[in-house]
């Protein structure tokens, strides 16, 4: 331990430079990746304002009621079919909708036609009773009045089902909105990533010192 401490003390300047270089590169890479999504109302591909649909018809066991989303349905038997329907008007040809599910298989229908499914048994490892959290951007490809129906199957490992509001915009707008909503979690993950890189570098130095 004394040799390790001595080695780190002698090379602390280089370690700081390496750490700062990694941080700068990661930040630059992140900014380059995000820059196209930070423009607003730019027809060349910038993000547009997100339309949040937080009212839907929810059908459980044949009973339908109007609900405000997000909501959590409790006391559901495993495998219960839950249907969530949104009706709105789409005015853009490049519109996408953000659909998400947590621990529940889901299929998406637009005007009665299935366009997307996720979380089915064949889509996940056999040891997982339920799928994880899934977020996906689904293209609308339909102008005018649209009826979107989400078909959920309640989880096997719990008796509740979370239903989120539907968000509609172009891909840049949805991505920017997600960054604004989940920026804290992203920043925390980014810090942990950098910390892991630093530990990897230090571990490599310690191994080389031990060999010498």
Protein backbone atom coordinates (compact mmCIF):
# COMPACT_ATOMS: atom_id res chain seq x y z
CA UNK A 1 0.00 0.00 0.00
CA UNK A 2 2.90 2.35 0.72
CA UNK A 3 4.32 1.79 -2.79
CA UNK A 4 0.92 2.39 -4.34
CA UNK A 5 0.43 5.61 -2.39
CA UNK A 6 3.92 6.75 -3.36
CA UNK A 7 3.30 5.94 -7.02
CA UNK A 8 -0.03 7.81 -7.07
CA UNK A 9 1.54 10.77 -5.30
CA UNK A 10 4.40 10.99 -7.81
CA UNK A 11 2.05 10.71 -10.79
CA UNK A 12 -0.88 12.70 -9.46
CA UNK A 13 -0.39 15.43 -12.08
CA UNK A 14 -0.55 12.95 -14.93
CA UNK A 15 -3.56 11.26 -13.36
CA UNK A 16 -5.33 14.63 -13.12
CA UNK A 17 -4.51 15.43 -16.76
CA UNK A 18 -5.80 12.05 -17.91
CA UNK A 19 -8.97 12.44 -15.86
CA UNK A 20 -9.58 15.97 -17.17
CA UNK A 21 -8.94 14.82 -20.74
CA UNK A 22 -11.46 11.99 -20.42
CA UNK A 23 -14.04 14.38 -18.95
CA UNK A 24 -13.53 16.94 -21.72
CA UNK A 25 -13.78 14.31 -24.46
CA UNK A 26 -16.97 12.88 -22.96
CA UNK A 27 -18.56 16.32 -22.61
CA UNK A 28 -17.63 17.27 -26.19
CA UNK A 29 -19.01 13.98 -27.50
CA UNK A 30 -22.26 14.53 -25.58
CA UNK A 31 -22.63 18.10 -26.88
CA UNK A 32 -22.03 17.00 -30.47
CA UNK A 33 -24.66 14.30 -30.12
CA UNK A 34 -27.22 16.67 -28.59
CA UNK A 35 -26.64 19.74 -30.77
CA UNK A 36 -29.11 18.75 -33.56
CA UNK A 37 -31.91 18.37 -31.00
CA UNK A 38 -31.55 21.76 -29.32
CA UNK A 39 -32.97 23.83 -32.20
CA UNK A 40 -36.62 24.85 -31.86
CA UNK A 41 -39.16 25.13 -34.71
CA UNK A 42 -36.53 24.45 -37.35
CA UNK A 43 -38.03 22.65 -40.34
CA UNK A 44 -34.62 21.21 -41.20
CA UNK A 45 -34.94 18.74 -38.34
CA UNK A 46 -34.97 20.70 -35.09
CA UNK A 47 -37.26 19.71 -32.24
CA UNK A 48 -40.84 20.98 -32.13
CA UNK A 49 -43.03 21.42 -29.08
CA UNK A 50 -44.33 18.15 -27.63
CA UNK A 51 -48.07 17.51 -27.56
CA UNK A 52 -48.83 15.73 -24.28
CA UNK A 53 -52.00 13.59 -24.30
CA UNK A 54 -52.85 12.97 -20.65
CA UNK A 55 -56.51 11.94 -21.01
CA UNK A 56 -57.47 8.50 -22.30
CA UNK A 57 -60.18 5.85 -22.29
CA UNK A 58 -58.98 2.97 -20.13
CA UNK A 59 -60.71 -0.41 -20.38
CA UNK A 60 -60.12 -3.10 -17.73
CA UNK A 61 -62.16 -6.31 -17.63
CA UNK A 62 -64.75 -4.83 -19.99
CA UNK A 63 -65.24 -1.66 -17.94
CA UNK A 64 -64.25 1.62 -19.65
CA UNK A 65 -63.66 4.95 -17.97
CA UNK A 66 -61.96 8.25 -18.73
CA UNK A 67 -58.71 8.67 -16.81
CA UNK A 68 -56.03 11.32 -16.39
CA UNK A 69 -52.51 10.03 -16.98
CA UNK A 70 -50.05 9.06 -15.67
CA UNK A 71 -51.85 6.62 -13.41
CA UNK A 72 -51.26 3.35 -11.65
CA UNK A 73 -53.82 0.55 -11.81
CA UNK A 74 -53.68 -1.68 -8.75
CA UNK A 75 -55.18 -5.02 -7.68
CA UNK A 76 -54.81 -6.56 -11.14
CA UNK A 77 -54.57 -10.29 -11.61
CA UNK A 78 -51.47 -11.38 -13.59
CA UNK A 79 -52.15 -11.38 -17.32
CA UNK A 80 -55.07 -8.93 -17.17
CA UNK A 81 -55.68 -7.20 -20.51
CA UNK A 82 -55.75 -3.41 -20.26
CA UNK A 83 -56.67 -1.19 -23.22
CA UNK A 84 -55.76 2.50 -23.34
CA UNK A 85 -57.12 4.64 -26.22
CA UNK A 86 -56.21 8.18 -27.28
CA UNK A 87 -58.02 10.22 -29.94
CA UNK A 88 -56.37 13.33 -31.39
CA UNK A 89 -55.57 15.16 -34.63
CA UNK A 90 -52.15 14.79 -36.23
CA UNK A 91 -51.08 17.63 -38.50
CA UNK A 92 -47.46 16.72 -39.31
CA UNK A 93 -46.11 14.03 -41.61
CA UNK A 94 -42.97 13.58 -39.47
CA UNK A 95 -44.82 12.96 -36.19
CA UNK A 96 -43.77 10.24 -33.79
CA UNK A 97 -45.27 9.22 -30.47
CA UNK A 98 -43.37 8.16 -27.38
CA UNK A 99 -44.82 4.95 -25.93
CA UNK A 100 -43.47 3.41 -22.74
CA UNK A 101 -44.20 0.41 -20.60
CA UNK A 102 -42.77 -0.91 -17.34
CA UNK A 103 -42.75 -4.68 -16.74
CA UNK A 104 -45.72 -5.25 -19.06
CA UNK A 105 -45.94 -6.46 -22.69
CA UNK A 106 -47.60 -3.92 -24.98
CA UNK A 107 -48.88 -3.66 -28.55
CA UNK A 108 -49.68 -0.40 -30.35
CA UNK A 109 -52.51 0.10 -32.82
CA UNK A 110 -53.12 3.16 -35.01
CA UNK A 111 -56.66 3.36 -36.39
CA UNK A 112 -57.14 -0.34 -35.72
CA UNK A 113 -53.87 -1.49 -37.36
CA UNK A 114 -51.07 -2.94 -35.21
CA UNK A 115 -47.80 -1.10 -35.84
CA UNK A 116 -45.58 -2.07 -32.91
CA UNK A 117 -45.25 -4.64 -30.13
CA UNK A 118 -42.74 -5.13 -27.33
CA UNK A 119 -42.11 -7.18 -24.22
CA UNK A 120 -43.46 -10.47 -25.52
CA UNK A 121 -42.08 -13.75 -24.16
CA UNK A 122 -39.93 -14.36 -27.25
CA UNK A 123 -38.41 -10.86 -26.94
CA UNK A 124 -36.77 -11.38 -23.53
CA UNK A 125 -34.60 -13.96 -21.75
CA UNK A 126 -36.45 -16.99 -20.40
CA UNK A 127 -35.50 -16.21 -16.77
CA UNK A 128 -37.38 -12.87 -16.85
CA UNK A 129 -41.00 -13.17 -15.78
CA UNK A 130 -41.74 -9.69 -17.12
CA UNK A 131 -39.97 -7.33 -19.53
CA UNK A 132 -38.11 -4.31 -18.20
CA UNK A 133 -38.91 -0.67 -18.86
CA UNK A 134 -39.28 0.01 -22.59
CA UNK A 135 -39.41 3.41 -24.30
CA UNK A 136 -39.92 3.59 -28.06
CA UNK A 137 -40.66 6.25 -30.68
CA UNK A 138 -43.40 4.98 -33.01
CA UNK A 139 -44.06 6.83 -36.31
CA UNK A 140 -47.66 7.95 -36.81
CA UNK A 141 -47.63 8.10 -40.65
CA UNK A 142 -51.29 9.14 -40.57
CA UNK A 143 -52.61 12.70 -40.97
CA UNK A 144 -55.91 13.96 -39.61
CA UNK A 145 -57.92 12.28 -36.89
CA UNK A 146 -55.97 9.46 -35.26
CA UNK A 147 -57.01 6.86 -32.69
CA UNK A 148 -54.10 5.22 -30.92
CA UNK A 149 -54.80 2.14 -28.80
CA UNK A 150 -52.25 0.63 -26.43
CA UNK A 151 -52.89 -2.96 -25.36
CA UNK A 152 -51.13 -3.88 -22.11
CA UNK A 153 -50.86 -7.25 -20.36
CA UNK A 154 -50.43 -6.76 -16.62
CA UNK A 155 -47.19 -8.12 -15.10
CA UNK A 156 -46.85 -11.57 -13.59
CA UNK A 157 -44.54 -10.42 -10.77
CA UNK A 158 -46.72 -7.62 -9.39
CA UNK A 159 -50.39 -6.67 -9.14
CA UNK A 160 -50.16 -3.14 -10.54
CA UNK A 161 -49.68 -1.51 -13.94
CA UNK A 162 -48.28 1.96 -14.65
CA UNK A 163 -49.71 3.88 -17.60
CA UNK A 164 -47.96 6.99 -18.90
CA UNK A 165 -49.27 9.90 -20.92
CA UNK A 166 -48.73 9.79 -24.68
CA UNK A 167 -46.32 12.34 -26.12
CA UNK A 168 -46.36 13.37 -29.80
CA UNK A 169 -43.77 15.41 -31.75
CA UNK A 170 -41.01 14.78 -34.25
CA UNK A 171 -38.06 12.66 -33.11
CA UNK A 172 -35.93 15.68 -32.19
CA UNK A 173 -38.74 17.17 -30.11
CA UNK A 174 -39.36 13.92 -28.25
CA UNK A 175 -35.67 13.42 -27.57
CA UNK A 176 -35.25 16.98 -26.29
CA UNK A 177 -38.31 16.57 -24.06
CA UNK A 178 -36.92 13.31 -22.67
CA UNK A 179 -33.59 15.01 -21.94
CA UNK A 180 -35.36 17.78 -20.04
CA UNK A 181 -37.44 15.32 -18.00
CA UNK A 182 -34.64 12.86 -17.28
CA UNK A 183 -31.64 15.19 -17.22
CA UNK A 184 -30.85 14.52 -13.55
CA UNK A 185 -30.76 10.75 -14.09
CA UNK A 186 -28.62 11.21 -17.20
CA UNK A 187 -26.18 13.47 -15.35
CA UNK A 188 -25.89 10.93 -12.52
CA UNK A 189 -25.24 8.12 -14.97
CA UNK A 190 -22.66 10.25 -16.76
CA UNK A 191 -20.80 10.96 -13.49
CA UNK A 192 -20.81 7.27 -12.59
CA UNK A 193 -19.48 6.44 -16.06
CA UNK A 194 -16.59 8.86 -15.66
CA UNK A 195 -15.90 7.55 -12.16
CA UNK A 196 -15.77 4.00 -13.55
CA UNK A 197 -13.30 5.09 -16.22
CA UNK A 198 -11.12 6.72 -13.55
CA UNK A 199 -11.16 3.54 -11.44
CA UNK A 200 -10.18 1.52 -14.51
CA UNK A 201 -7.19 3.78 -15.15
CA UNK A 202 -6.07 3.66 -11.51
CA UNK A 203 -6.48 -0.14 -11.42
CA UNK A 204 -4.33 -0.45 -14.53
CA UNK A 205 -1.64 1.69 -12.91
CA UNK A 206 -1.72 -0.39 -9.72
CA UNK A 207 -1.38 -3.64 -11.71
CA UNK A 208 1.59 -2.26 -13.64
CA UNK A 209 3.20 -1.12 -10.38
CA UNK A 210 2.69 -4.52 -8.79
CA UNK A 211 4.33 -6.24 -11.79
CA UNK A 212 7.33 -3.92 -11.67
